[in-house]
Amino acid sequence: MHDPVMFILQALVSFASAVALVVRHPASFQVPDYDFLRAFK
């Protein structure tokens, strides 16, 4: 039997870690887009 509190905490931690990756490393998400657009210019 799963503890709903632990399940919610685990979900929040995983969500926070995903948000932290986007906030700390925005260049890793933007650089491929710039290279993709640059290929058509």
PDB file of N, CA and C in Angstrom:
ATOM      1  N   MET A   1       0.851  -1.202   0.000  1.00  0.00           N
ATOM      2  CA  MET A   1       0.000   0.000   0.000  1.00  0.00           C
ATOM      3  C   MET A   1       0.884   1.250   0.000  1.00  0.00           C
ATOM      4  N   HIS A   2       0.702   2.087  -1.005  1.00  0.00           N
ATOM      5  CA  HIS A   2       1.528   3.282  -1.135  1.00  0.00           C
ATOM      6  C   HIS A   2       1.005   4.400  -0.244  1.00  0.00           C
ATOM      7  N   ASP A   3       1.932   5.138   0.313  1.00  0.00           N
ATOM      8  CA  ASP A   3       1.559   6.285   1.131  1.00  0.00           C
ATOM      9  C   ASP A   3       1.312   7.473   0.190  1.00  0.00           C
ATOM     10  N   PRO A   4       0.111   8.027   0.191  1.00  0.00           N
ATOM     11  CA  PRO A   4      -0.180   9.125  -0.754  1.00  0.00           C
ATOM     12  C   PRO A   4       0.701  10.342  -0.514  1.00  0.00           C
ATOM     13  N   VAL A   5       1.110  10.579   0.736  1.00  0.00           N
ATOM     14  CA  VAL A   5       1.971  11.737   1.015  1.00  0.00           C
ATOM     15  C   VAL A   5       3.332  11.559   0.357  1.00  0.00           C
ATOM     16  N   MET A   6       3.889  10.353   0.461  1.00  0.00           N
ATOM     17  CA  MET A   6       5.179  10.099  -0.168  1.00  0.00           C
ATOM     18  C   MET A   6       5.070  10.169  -1.691  1.00  0.00           C
ATOM     19  N   PHE A   7       3.929   9.712  -2.227  1.00  0.00           N
ATOM     20  CA  PHE A   7       3.726   9.766  -3.677  1.00  0.00           C
ATOM     21  C   PHE A   7       3.686  11.218  -4.156  1.00  0.00           C
ATOM     22  N   ILE A   8       3.004  12.075  -3.391  1.00  0.00           N
ATOM     23  CA  ILE A   8       2.910  13.490  -3.763  1.00  0.00           C
ATOM     24  C   ILE A   8       4.272  14.157  -3.653  1.00  0.00           C
ATOM     25  N   LEU A   9       5.012  13.831  -2.586  1.00  0.00           N
ATOM     26  CA  LEU A   9       6.338  14.430  -2.431  1.00  0.00           C
ATOM     27  C   LEU A   9       7.266  14.005  -3.562  1.00  0.00           C
ATOM     28  N   GLN A  10       7.181  12.738  -3.943  1.00  0.00           N
ATOM     29  CA  GLN A  10       8.041  12.246  -5.033  1.00  0.00           C
ATOM     30  C   GLN A  10       7.685  12.938  -6.344  1.00  0.00           C
ATOM     31  N   ALA A  11       6.395  13.169  -6.572  1.00  0.00           N
ATOM     32  CA  ALA A  11       5.968  13.854  -7.789  1.00  0.00           C
ATOM     33  C   ALA A  11       6.460  15.304  -7.791  1.00  0.00           C
ATOM     34  N   LEU A  12       6.393  15.955  -6.630  1.00  0.00           N
ATOM     35  CA  LEU A  12       6.850  17.343  -6.553  1.00  0.00           C
ATOM     36  C   LEU A  12       8.352  17.438  -6.780  1.00  0.00           C
ATOM     37  N   VAL A  13       9.102  16.495  -6.231  1.00  0.00           N
ATOM     38  CA  VAL A  13      10.560  16.513  -6.405  1.00  0.00           C
ATOM     39  C   VAL A  13      10.930  16.302  -7.870  1.00  0.00           C
ATOM     40  N   SER A  14      10.260  15.365  -8.528  1.00  0.00           N
ATOM     41  CA  SER A  14      10.564  15.104  -9.937  1.00  0.00           C
ATOM     42  C   SER A  14      10.184  16.307 -10.801  1.00  0.00           C
ATOM     43  N   PHE A  15       9.067  16.953 -10.466  1.00  0.00           N
ATOM     44  CA  PHE A  15       8.637  18.129 -11.218  1.00  0.00           C
ATOM     45  C   PHE A  15       9.606  19.291 -10.990  1.00  0.00           C
ATOM     46  N   ALA A  16      10.027  19.467  -9.736  1.00  0.00           N
ATOM     47  CA  ALA A  16      10.955  20.565  -9.420  1.00  0.00           C
ATOM     48  C   ALA A  16      12.296  20.352 -10.117  1.00  0.00           C
ATOM     49  N   SER A  17      12.747  19.102 -10.185  1.00  0.00           N
ATOM     50  CA  SER A  17      14.026  18.827 -10.844  1.00  0.00           C
ATOM     51  C   SER A  17      13.935  19.115 -12.343  1.00  0.00           C
ATOM     52  N   ALA A  18      12.790  18.821 -12.942  1.00  0.00           N
ATOM     53  CA  ALA A  18      12.604  19.095 -14.366  1.00  0.00           C
ATOM     54  C   ALA A  18      12.589  20.601 -14.615  1.00  0.00           C
ATOM     55  N   VAL A  19      11.921  21.347 -13.741  1.00  0.00           N
ATOM     56  CA  VAL A  19      11.882  22.804 -13.883  1.00  0.00           C
ATOM     57  C   VAL A  19      13.281  23.387 -13.689  1.00  0.00           C
ATOM     58  N   ALA A  20      14.020  22.839 -12.722  1.00  0.00           N
ATOM     59  CA  ALA A  20      15.366  23.344 -12.453  1.00  0.00           C
ATOM     60  C   ALA A  20      16.274  23.146 -13.666  1.00  0.00           C
ATOM     61  N   LEU A  21      16.101  22.025 -14.369  1.00  0.00           N
ATOM     62  CA  LEU A  21      16.922  21.782 -15.559  1.00  0.00           C
ATOM     63  C   LEU A  21      16.645  22.833 -16.626  1.00  0.00           C
ATOM     64  N   VAL A  22      15.385  23.179 -16.815  1.00  0.00           N
ATOM     65  CA  VAL A  22      15.040  24.172 -17.838  1.00  0.00           C
ATOM     66  C   VAL A  22      15.542  25.556 -17.438  1.00  0.00           C
ATOM     67  N   VAL A  23      15.440  25.873 -16.140  1.00  0.00           N
ATOM     68  CA  VAL A  23      15.835  27.214 -15.686  1.00  0.00           C
ATOM     69  C   VAL A  23      17.351  27.364 -15.686  1.00  0.00           C
ATOM     70  N   ARG A  24      18.063  26.317 -15.249  1.00  0.00           N
ATOM     71  CA  ARG A  24      19.516  26.432 -15.142  1.00  0.00           C
ATOM     72  C   ARG A  24      20.209  26.310 -16.491  1.00  0.00           C
ATOM     73  N   HIS A  25      19.630  25.548 -17.408  1.00  0.00           N
ATOM     74  CA  HIS A  25      20.296  25.298 -18.695  1.00  0.00           C
ATOM     75  C   HIS A  25      19.375  25.659 -19.864  1.00  0.00           C
ATOM     76  N   PRO A  26      18.976  26.926 -19.966  1.00  0.00           N
ATOM     77  CA  PRO A  26      18.115  27.305 -21.096  1.00  0.00           C
ATOM     78  C   PRO A  26      18.842  27.209 -22.434  1.00  0.00           C
ATOM     79  N   ALA A  27      20.167  27.362 -22.407  1.00  0.00           N
ATOM     80  CA  ALA A  27      20.934  27.333 -23.653  1.00  0.00           C
ATOM     81  C   ALA A  27      20.852  25.949 -24.304  1.00  0.00           C
ATOM     82  N   SER A  28      20.760  24.900 -23.493  1.00  0.00           N
ATOM     83  CA  SER A  28      20.716  23.552 -24.048  1.00  0.00           C
ATOM     84  C   SER A  28      19.420  23.326 -24.832  1.00  0.00           C
ATOM     85  N   PHE A  29      18.385  24.149 -24.519  1.00  0.00           N
ATOM     86  CA  PHE A  29      17.122  24.013 -25.249  1.00  0.00           C
ATOM     87  C   PHE A  29      17.037  24.993 -26.415  1.00  0.00           C
ATOM     88  N   GLN A  30      17.805  26.090 -26.346  1.00  0.00           N
ATOM     89  CA  GLN A  30      17.707  27.124 -27.372  1.00  0.00           C
ATOM     90  C   GLN A  30      18.718  26.929 -28.495  1.00  0.00           C
ATOM     91  N   VAL A  31      19.897  26.451 -28.167  1.00  0.00           N
ATOM     92  CA  VAL A  31      20.952  26.328 -29.179  1.00  0.00           C
ATOM     93  C   VAL A  31      20.553  25.404 -30.328  1.00  0.00           C
ATOM     94  N   PRO A  32      19.952  24.219 -30.074  1.00  0.00           N
ATOM     95  CA  PRO A  32      19.544  23.371 -31.203  1.00  0.00           C
ATOM     96  C   PRO A  32      18.521  24.073 -32.103  1.00  0.00           C
ATOM     97  N   ASP A  33      17.646  24.908 -31.511  1.00  0.00           N
ATOM     98  CA  ASP A  33      16.669  25.621 -32.323  1.00  0.00           C
ATOM     99  C   ASP A  33      17.368  26.625 -33.235  1.00  0.00           C
ATOM    100  N   TYR A  34      18.371  27.318 -32.703  1.00  0.00           N
ATOM    101  CA  TYR A  34      19.097  28.281 -33.519  1.00  0.00           C
ATOM    102  C   TYR A  34      19.854  27.575 -34.644  1.00  0.00           C
ATOM    103  N   ASP A  35      20.444  26.437 -34.347  1.00  0.00           N
ATOM    104  CA  ASP A  35      21.151  25.692 -35.382  1.00  0.00           C
ATOM    105  C   ASP A  35      20.172  25.186 -36.431  1.00  0.00           C
ATOM    106  N   PHE A  36      18.972  24.806 -35.989  1.00  0.00           N
ATOM    107  CA  PHE A  36      17.964  24.304 -36.914  1.00  0.00           C
ATOM    108  C   PHE A  36      17.519  25.415 -37.871  1.00  0.00           C
ATOM    109  N   LEU A  37      17.325  26.619 -37.323  1.00  0.00           N
ATOM    110  CA  LEU A  37      16.920  27.743 -38.175  1.00  0.00           C
ATOM    111  C   LEU A  37      18.063  28.179 -39.070  1.00  0.00           C
ATOM    112  N   ARG A  38      19.300  28.114 -38.553  1.00  0.00           N
ATOM    113  CA  ARG A  38      20.465  28.562 -39.317  1.00  0.00           C
ATOM    114  C   ARG A  38      20.688  27.672 -40.553  1.00  0.00           C
ATOM    115  N   ALA A  39      20.245  26.414 -40.469  1.00  0.00           N
ATOM    116  CA  ALA A  39      20.460  25.495 -41.584  1.00  0.00           C
ATOM    117  C   ALA A  39      19.637  25.896 -42.802  1.00  0.00           C
ATOM    118  N   PHE A  40      18.552  26.655 -42.577  1.00  0.00           N
ATOM    119  CA  PHE A  40      17.685  27.029 -43.706  1.00  0.00           C
ATOM    120  C   PHE A  40      17.990  28.421 -44.235  1.00  0.00           C
ATOM    121  N   LYS A  41      18.941  29.107 -43.629  1.00  0.00           N
ATOM    122  CA  LYS A  41      19.243  30.471 -44.092  1.00  0.00           C
ATOM    123  C   LYS A  41      20.367  30.469 -45.111  1.00  0.00           C
TER     124      LYS A  41
END
